[in-house]
Amino acid sequence: MQHKVIKFSIADLALDYELVAKCLNRHCRNGQYRVSGLCQTESSVFFSLEINFEAPQQYVLAPFTACSDADVLADLHTRWHSGFSTRGLIRLSESYLGLFEIPVDVVDLNPDTDNELGEATEITVSPGRIPAE
């Protein structure tokens, strides 16, 4: 089984979590890989990717409405009712981001994001883990 790890700084996530999600989806290579987990340190988040043998997934990073347990629980229920599965929680300085996945059609996995990703020079990927496309 192939296993790859990509890394983003907490600063990157706080600056533009939507762009980080696009980059994460891009590294999943149109459904060939899936996020199997995430780990967070004080300054970074590591996304673990494995070969995907199931339906392709789209990954979304979204802020929680508030930090209380009740608010996080309400957001989790809302996302689940919308068809999303929760894959993780990322702590920013004063807020949380959730990592959610949702099944998508293969056609939907091919957004034209080359320009946006090319401009994202502040986002770093672990060297030697994901080959350049």
N, C-alpha and C. Protein backbone atom coordinates (compact mmCIF):
# COMPACT_ATOMS: atom_id res chain seq x y z
N MET A 1 0.85 -1.18 0.00
CA MET A 1 0.00 0.00 0.00
C MET A 1 0.89 1.24 0.00
N GLN A 2 0.54 2.20 -0.83
CA GLN A 2 1.29 3.44 -0.85
C GLN A 2 0.76 4.39 0.20
N HIS A 3 1.68 5.13 0.80
CA HIS A 3 1.34 6.09 1.83
C HIS A 3 2.13 7.36 1.56
N LYS A 4 1.46 8.49 1.56
CA LYS A 4 2.13 9.76 1.33
C LYS A 4 1.67 10.74 2.39
N VAL A 5 2.52 11.69 2.68
CA VAL A 5 2.21 12.70 3.69
C VAL A 5 2.45 14.07 3.09
N ILE A 6 1.48 14.96 3.27
CA ILE A 6 1.69 16.36 2.88
C ILE A 6 1.53 17.23 4.12
N LYS A 7 2.24 18.33 4.12
CA LYS A 7 2.32 19.19 5.29
C LYS A 7 1.93 20.61 4.91
N PHE A 8 1.13 21.23 5.77
CA PHE A 8 0.80 22.65 5.64
C PHE A 8 1.04 23.30 6.99
N SER A 9 1.46 24.54 6.97
CA SER A 9 1.64 25.25 8.23
C SER A 9 0.28 25.76 8.73
N ILE A 10 0.19 25.94 10.02
CA ILE A 10 -1.02 26.51 10.61
C ILE A 10 -1.26 27.90 10.03
N ALA A 11 -0.19 28.64 9.77
CA ALA A 11 -0.32 29.98 9.18
C ALA A 11 -0.97 29.91 7.80
N ASP A 12 -0.61 28.91 6.99
CA ASP A 12 -1.22 28.74 5.67
C ASP A 12 -2.72 28.47 5.80
N LEU A 13 -3.07 27.61 6.74
CA LEU A 13 -4.49 27.29 6.95
C LEU A 13 -5.26 28.51 7.42
N ALA A 14 -4.69 29.29 8.30
CA ALA A 14 -5.37 30.49 8.80
C ALA A 14 -5.49 31.54 7.70
N LEU A 15 -4.49 31.61 6.84
CA LEU A 15 -4.48 32.61 5.77
C LEU A 15 -5.50 32.30 4.68
N ASP A 16 -5.56 31.05 4.21
CA ASP A 16 -6.46 30.70 3.10
C ASP A 16 -6.77 29.21 3.12
N TYR A 17 -7.66 28.80 4.02
CA TYR A 17 -7.98 27.38 4.15
C TYR A 17 -8.65 26.81 2.90
N GLU A 18 -9.36 27.64 2.13
CA GLU A 18 -9.98 27.14 0.90
C GLU A 18 -8.92 26.76 -0.13
N LEU A 19 -7.88 27.54 -0.24
CA LEU A 19 -6.79 27.23 -1.16
C LEU A 19 -6.04 25.97 -0.70
N VAL A 20 -5.87 25.82 0.59
CA VAL A 20 -5.25 24.61 1.12
C VAL A 20 -6.10 23.39 0.77
N ALA A 21 -7.43 23.50 0.88
CA ALA A 21 -8.32 22.39 0.52
C ALA A 21 -8.19 22.05 -0.96
N LYS A 22 -8.08 23.06 -1.81
CA LYS A 22 -7.89 22.80 -3.24
C LYS A 22 -6.58 22.07 -3.48
N CYS A 23 -5.55 22.49 -2.79
CA CYS A 23 -4.25 21.84 -2.92
C CYS A 23 -4.31 20.40 -2.41
N LEU A 24 -4.99 20.19 -1.31
CA LEU A 24 -5.16 18.84 -0.76
C LEU A 24 -5.89 17.94 -1.77
N ASN A 25 -6.97 18.45 -2.36
CA ASN A 25 -7.70 17.69 -3.37
C ASN A 25 -6.83 17.40 -4.58
N ARG A 26 -6.04 18.35 -4.95
CA ARG A 26 -5.13 18.16 -6.09
C ARG A 26 -4.14 17.03 -5.80
N HIS A 27 -3.62 16.99 -4.59
CA HIS A 27 -2.68 15.93 -4.22
C HIS A 27 -3.35 14.57 -4.11
N CYS A 28 -4.64 14.55 -3.95
CA CYS A 28 -5.36 13.27 -3.96
C CYS A 28 -5.53 12.77 -5.38
N ARG A 29 -5.08 13.54 -6.35
CA ARG A 29 -4.99 13.16 -7.76
C ARG A 29 -6.29 12.60 -8.32
N ASN A 30 -7.30 13.44 -8.29
CA ASN A 30 -8.57 13.07 -8.92
C ASN A 30 -9.16 11.77 -8.39
N GLY A 31 -9.08 11.57 -7.10
CA GLY A 31 -9.71 10.41 -6.48
C GLY A 31 -8.82 9.19 -6.35
N GLN A 32 -7.56 9.26 -6.79
CA GLN A 32 -6.67 8.11 -6.69
C GLN A 32 -6.21 7.88 -5.25
N TYR A 33 -6.18 8.95 -4.46
CA TYR A 33 -5.78 8.87 -3.06
C TYR A 33 -6.91 9.39 -2.19
N ARG A 34 -6.86 9.02 -0.91
CA ARG A 34 -7.82 9.55 0.04
C ARG A 34 -7.07 9.96 1.30
N VAL A 35 -7.64 10.88 2.04
CA VAL A 35 -7.05 11.28 3.31
C VAL A 35 -7.41 10.22 4.34
N SER A 36 -6.40 9.59 4.91
CA SER A 36 -6.65 8.56 5.91
C SER A 36 -6.57 9.11 7.33
N GLY A 37 -6.03 10.32 7.47
CA GLY A 37 -5.95 10.93 8.79
C GLY A 37 -5.16 12.21 8.75
N LEU A 38 -5.16 12.89 9.87
CA LEU A 38 -4.35 14.09 10.00
C LEU A 38 -3.77 14.16 11.40
N CYS A 39 -2.62 14.78 11.50
CA CYS A 39 -1.95 15.00 12.78
C CYS A 39 -1.53 16.45 12.84
N GLN A 40 -1.65 17.04 14.01
CA GLN A 40 -1.32 18.46 14.17
C GLN A 40 -0.26 18.64 15.24
N THR A 41 0.72 19.48 14.91
CA THR A 41 1.69 19.92 15.90
C THR A 41 1.39 21.39 16.20
N GLU A 42 2.25 22.02 16.94
CA GLU A 42 2.02 23.43 17.28
C GLU A 42 2.02 24.33 16.06
N SER A 43 2.80 23.98 15.03
CA SER A 43 2.92 24.87 13.88
C SER A 43 2.52 24.27 12.54
N SER A 44 2.20 22.97 12.51
CA SER A 44 1.92 22.31 11.23
C SER A 44 0.79 21.29 11.34
N VAL A 45 0.22 20.98 10.17
CA VAL A 45 -0.75 19.89 10.06
C VAL A 45 -0.25 18.95 8.97
N PHE A 46 -0.22 17.67 9.27
CA PHE A 46 0.22 16.64 8.35
C PHE A 46 -1.00 15.83 7.93
N PHE A 47 -1.22 15.73 6.63
CA PHE A 47 -2.31 14.94 6.08
C PHE A 47 -1.73 13.65 5.53
N SER A 48 -2.23 12.53 6.02
CA SER A 48 -1.78 11.22 5.57
C SER A 48 -2.68 10.75 4.43
N LEU A 49 -2.09 10.39 3.30
CA LEU A 49 -2.83 9.95 2.12
C LEU A 49 -2.52 8.49 1.83
N GLU A 50 -3.56 7.74 1.47
CA GLU A 50 -3.41 6.35 1.07
C GLU A 50 -4.12 6.14 -0.27
N ILE A 51 -3.75 5.07 -0.97
CA ILE A 51 -4.42 4.71 -2.22
C ILE A 51 -5.90 4.55 -1.93
N ASN A 52 -6.74 5.06 -2.81
CA ASN A 52 -8.19 5.00 -2.65
C ASN A 52 -8.75 3.85 -3.46
N PHE A 53 -9.42 2.92 -2.79
CA PHE A 53 -10.06 1.80 -3.47
C PHE A 53 -11.58 1.97 -3.50
N GLU A 54 -12.06 3.09 -3.02
CA GLU A 54 -13.50 3.35 -2.95
C GLU A 54 -13.86 4.48 -3.91
N ALA A 55 -15.07 4.97 -3.80
CA ALA A 55 -15.52 6.09 -4.64
C ALA A 55 -14.67 7.32 -4.35
N PRO A 56 -14.40 8.15 -5.36
CA PRO A 56 -13.63 9.38 -5.15
C PRO A 56 -14.32 10.30 -4.14
N GLN A 57 -13.50 11.02 -3.40
CA GLN A 57 -13.99 11.96 -2.38
C GLN A 57 -13.46 13.36 -2.66
N GLN A 58 -14.24 14.33 -2.28
CA GLN A 58 -13.81 15.73 -2.33
C GLN A 58 -13.61 16.17 -0.88
N TYR A 59 -12.52 16.87 -0.60
CA TYR A 59 -12.22 17.32 0.75
C TYR A 59 -12.49 18.81 0.89
N VAL A 60 -13.08 19.16 2.03
CA VAL A 60 -13.44 20.53 2.33
C VAL A 60 -12.89 20.88 3.70
N LEU A 61 -12.25 22.03 3.81
CA LEU A 61 -11.88 22.59 5.11
C LEU A 61 -12.86 23.71 5.39
N ALA A 62 -13.50 23.68 6.55
CA ALA A 62 -14.51 24.68 6.87
C ALA A 62 -14.41 25.05 8.34
N PRO A 63 -14.58 26.33 8.64
CA PRO A 63 -14.51 26.75 10.04
C PRO A 63 -15.75 26.31 10.82
N PHE A 64 -15.55 26.01 12.09
CA PHE A 64 -16.67 25.76 12.97
C PHE A 64 -17.23 27.12 13.40
N THR A 65 -18.53 27.19 13.67
CA THR A 65 -19.16 28.47 13.99
C THR A 65 -18.65 29.04 15.30
N ALA A 66 -18.29 28.19 16.24
CA ALA A 66 -17.75 28.63 17.53
C ALA A 66 -16.95 27.48 18.13
N CYS A 67 -16.32 27.73 19.27
CA CYS A 67 -15.41 26.74 19.85
C CYS A 67 -16.01 25.92 20.99
N SER A 68 -17.23 26.20 21.39
CA SER A 68 -17.81 25.43 22.50
C SER A 68 -18.16 24.02 22.02
N ASP A 69 -18.22 23.09 22.96
CA ASP A 69 -18.57 21.71 22.63
C ASP A 69 -19.92 21.64 21.93
N ALA A 70 -20.89 22.39 22.43
CA ALA A 70 -22.24 22.37 21.85
C ALA A 70 -22.23 22.88 20.41
N ASP A 71 -21.46 23.93 20.14
CA ASP A 71 -21.39 24.49 18.79
C ASP A 71 -20.69 23.53 17.83
N VAL A 72 -19.61 22.90 18.28
CA VAL A 72 -18.91 21.93 17.44
C VAL A 72 -19.83 20.75 17.14
N LEU A 73 -20.54 20.26 18.15
CA LEU A 73 -21.47 19.16 17.95
C LEU A 73 -22.58 19.52 16.96
N ALA A 74 -23.12 20.73 17.08
CA ALA A 74 -24.16 21.19 16.16
C ALA A 74 -23.63 21.26 14.73
N ASP A 75 -22.40 21.76 14.56
CA ASP A 75 -21.80 21.84 13.22
C ASP A 75 -21.57 20.44 12.64
N LEU A 76 -21.13 19.50 13.47
CA LEU A 76 -20.91 18.13 13.00
C LEU A 76 -22.22 17.51 12.52
N HIS A 77 -23.30 17.73 13.26
CA HIS A 77 -24.61 17.20 12.85
C HIS A 77 -25.08 17.85 11.55
N THR A 78 -24.89 19.15 11.43
CA THR A 78 -25.30 19.86 10.21
C THR A 78 -24.54 19.34 9.00
N ARG A 79 -23.24 19.18 9.13
CA ARG A 79 -22.44 18.66 8.02
C ARG A 79 -22.86 17.23 7.66
N TRP A 80 -23.09 16.40 8.66
CA TRP A 80 -23.49 15.02 8.41
C TRP A 80 -24.82 14.97 7.65
N HIS A 81 -25.77 15.81 8.06
CA HIS A 81 -27.06 15.84 7.37
C HIS A 81 -26.93 16.35 5.94
N SER A 82 -25.85 17.07 5.65
CA SER A 82 -25.60 17.56 4.29
C SER A 82 -24.80 16.57 3.46
N GLY A 83 -24.48 15.41 4.02
CA GLY A 83 -23.78 14.38 3.26
C GLY A 83 -22.28 14.30 3.50
N PHE A 84 -21.76 15.10 4.40
CA PHE A 84 -20.32 15.12 4.68
C PHE A 84 -19.96 14.14 5.78
N SER A 85 -18.77 13.54 5.67
CA SER A 85 -18.18 12.75 6.75
C SER A 85 -17.07 13.58 7.37
N THR A 86 -16.97 13.55 8.67
CA THR A 86 -15.94 14.30 9.38
C THR A 86 -14.66 13.48 9.40
N ARG A 87 -13.55 14.11 9.02
CA ARG A 87 -12.26 13.43 9.01
C ARG A 87 -11.28 13.99 10.02
N GLY A 88 -11.54 15.17 10.55
CA GLY A 88 -10.60 15.72 11.54
C GLY A 88 -10.93 17.14 11.93
N LEU A 89 -10.23 17.59 12.95
CA LEU A 89 -10.38 18.94 13.47
C LEU A 89 -8.99 19.56 13.60
N ILE A 90 -8.87 20.80 13.17
CA ILE A 90 -7.60 21.52 13.23
C ILE A 90 -7.79 22.74 14.11
N ARG A 91 -6.91 22.91 15.08
CA ARG A 91 -6.99 24.05 15.98
C ARG A 91 -6.14 25.18 15.43
N LEU A 92 -6.79 26.30 15.16
CA LEU A 92 -6.07 27.53 14.85
C LEU A 92 -5.92 28.28 16.17
N SER A 93 -5.38 29.46 16.19
CA SER A 93 -5.13 30.13 17.47
C SER A 93 -6.40 30.32 18.30
N GLU A 94 -7.46 30.80 17.70
CA GLU A 94 -8.69 31.07 18.45
C GLU A 94 -9.92 30.41 17.84
N SER A 95 -9.73 29.48 16.92
CA SER A 95 -10.86 28.85 16.26
C SER A 95 -10.48 27.44 15.79
N TYR A 96 -11.45 26.75 15.20
CA TYR A 96 -11.24 25.41 14.68
C TYR A 96 -11.63 25.35 13.21
N LEU A 97 -10.93 24.50 12.47
CA LEU A 97 -11.32 24.13 11.12
C LEU A 97 -11.65 22.64 11.14
N GLY A 98 -12.67 22.26 10.41
CA GLY A 98 -12.99 20.86 10.26
C GLY A 98 -12.54 20.37 8.90
N LEU A 99 -12.05 19.14 8.84
CA LEU A 99 -11.77 18.48 7.56
C LEU A 99 -12.93 17.54 7.31
N PHE A 100 -13.63 17.77 6.21
CA PHE A 100 -14.80 16.99 5.85
C PHE A 100 -14.60 16.40 4.46
N GLU A 101 -15.22 15.24 4.23
CA GLU A 101 -15.17 14.65 2.89
C GLU A 101 -16.58 14.34 2.43
N ILE A 102 -16.76 14.38 1.11
CA ILE A 102 -18.05 14.07 0.51
C ILE A 102 -17.80 13.37 -0.82
N PRO A 103 -18.57 12.33 -1.12
CA PRO A 103 -18.40 11.66 -2.42
C PRO A 103 -18.76 12.60 -3.57
N VAL A 104 -18.03 12.49 -4.64
CA VAL A 104 -18.30 13.33 -5.81
C VAL A 104 -18.19 12.51 -7.08
N ASP A 105 -18.75 13.03 -8.16
CA ASP A 105 -18.59 12.43 -9.48
C ASP A 105 -17.17 12.71 -9.95
N VAL A 106 -16.61 11.82 -10.72
CA VAL A 106 -15.25 12.00 -11.23
C VAL A 106 -15.13 13.30 -12.01
N VAL A 107 -16.17 13.69 -12.73
CA VAL A 107 -16.15 14.94 -13.49
C VAL A 107 -15.92 16.13 -12.56
N ASP A 108 -16.51 16.08 -11.38
CA ASP A 108 -16.37 17.18 -10.43
C ASP A 108 -14.98 17.27 -9.82
N LEU A 109 -14.16 16.24 -9.98
CA LEU A 109 -12.84 16.24 -9.38
C LEU A 109 -11.78 16.90 -10.26
N ASN A 110 -12.18 17.49 -11.38
CA ASN A 110 -11.21 18.09 -12.29
C ASN A 110 -11.39 19.59 -12.44
N PRO A 111 -11.39 20.34 -11.31
CA PRO A 111 -11.53 21.79 -11.44
C PRO A 111 -10.27 22.39 -12.06
N ASP A 112 -10.43 23.51 -12.73
CA ASP A 112 -9.30 24.20 -13.33
C ASP A 112 -8.64 25.06 -12.25
N THR A 113 -7.73 24.45 -11.50
CA THR A 113 -7.09 25.15 -10.38
C THR A 113 -5.61 25.39 -10.61
N ASP A 114 -5.11 25.12 -11.82
CA ASP A 114 -3.67 25.27 -12.05
C ASP A 114 -3.17 26.67 -11.70
N ASN A 115 -3.87 27.72 -12.12
CA ASN A 115 -3.42 29.07 -11.84
C ASN A 115 -3.42 29.37 -10.35
N GLU A 116 -4.49 28.97 -9.67
CA GLU A 116 -4.57 29.24 -8.24
C GLU A 116 -3.46 28.52 -7.48
N LEU A 117 -3.22 27.25 -7.82
CA LEU A 117 -2.18 26.52 -7.12
C LEU A 117 -0.80 27.05 -7.46
N GLY A 118 -0.61 27.51 -8.69
CA GLY A 118 0.67 28.08 -9.07
C GLY A 118 0.98 29.35 -8.32
N GLU A 119 -0.05 30.07 -7.90
CA GLU A 119 0.15 31.31 -7.18
C GLU A 119 0.31 31.09 -5.68
N ALA A 120 0.09 29.88 -5.20
CA ALA A 120 0.12 29.61 -3.77
C ALA A 120 1.53 29.27 -3.31
N THR A 121 2.44 30.21 -3.45
CA THR A 121 3.82 29.94 -3.10
C THR A 121 4.03 29.82 -1.60
N GLU A 122 3.12 30.34 -0.78
CA GLU A 122 3.30 30.29 0.65
C GLU A 122 2.92 28.93 1.24
N ILE A 123 2.33 28.05 0.45
CA ILE A 123 1.93 26.73 0.92
C ILE A 123 3.05 25.76 0.61
N THR A 124 3.47 24.99 1.62
CA THR A 124 4.59 24.08 1.44
C THR A 124 4.12 22.64 1.52
N VAL A 125 4.80 21.78 0.81
CA VAL A 125 4.52 20.35 0.81
C VAL A 125 5.79 19.66 1.28
N SER A 126 5.63 18.62 2.07
CA SER A 126 6.78 17.88 2.57
C SER A 126 7.67 17.45 1.40
N PRO A 127 8.95 17.77 1.44
CA PRO A 127 9.82 17.41 0.32
C PRO A 127 9.92 15.90 0.16
N GLY A 128 9.86 15.47 -1.10
CA GLY A 128 10.05 14.08 -1.42
C GLY A 128 8.85 13.19 -1.16
N ARG A 129 7.75 13.72 -0.70
CA ARG A 129 6.61 12.88 -0.37
C ARG A 129 5.61 12.79 -1.52
N ILE A 130 5.31 13.89 -2.16
CA ILE A 130 4.36 13.90 -3.28
C ILE A 130 5.13 14.41 -4.48
N PRO A 131 5.25 13.61 -5.52
CA PRO A 131 5.99 14.08 -6.70
C PRO A 131 5.24 15.22 -7.40
N ALA A 132 5.99 16.14 -7.96
CA ALA A 132 5.40 17.25 -8.70
C ALA A 132 4.65 16.71 -9.89
N GLU A 133 3.51 17.37 -10.20
CA GLU A 133 2.71 16.93 -11.35
C GLU A 133 3.08 17.74 -12.57
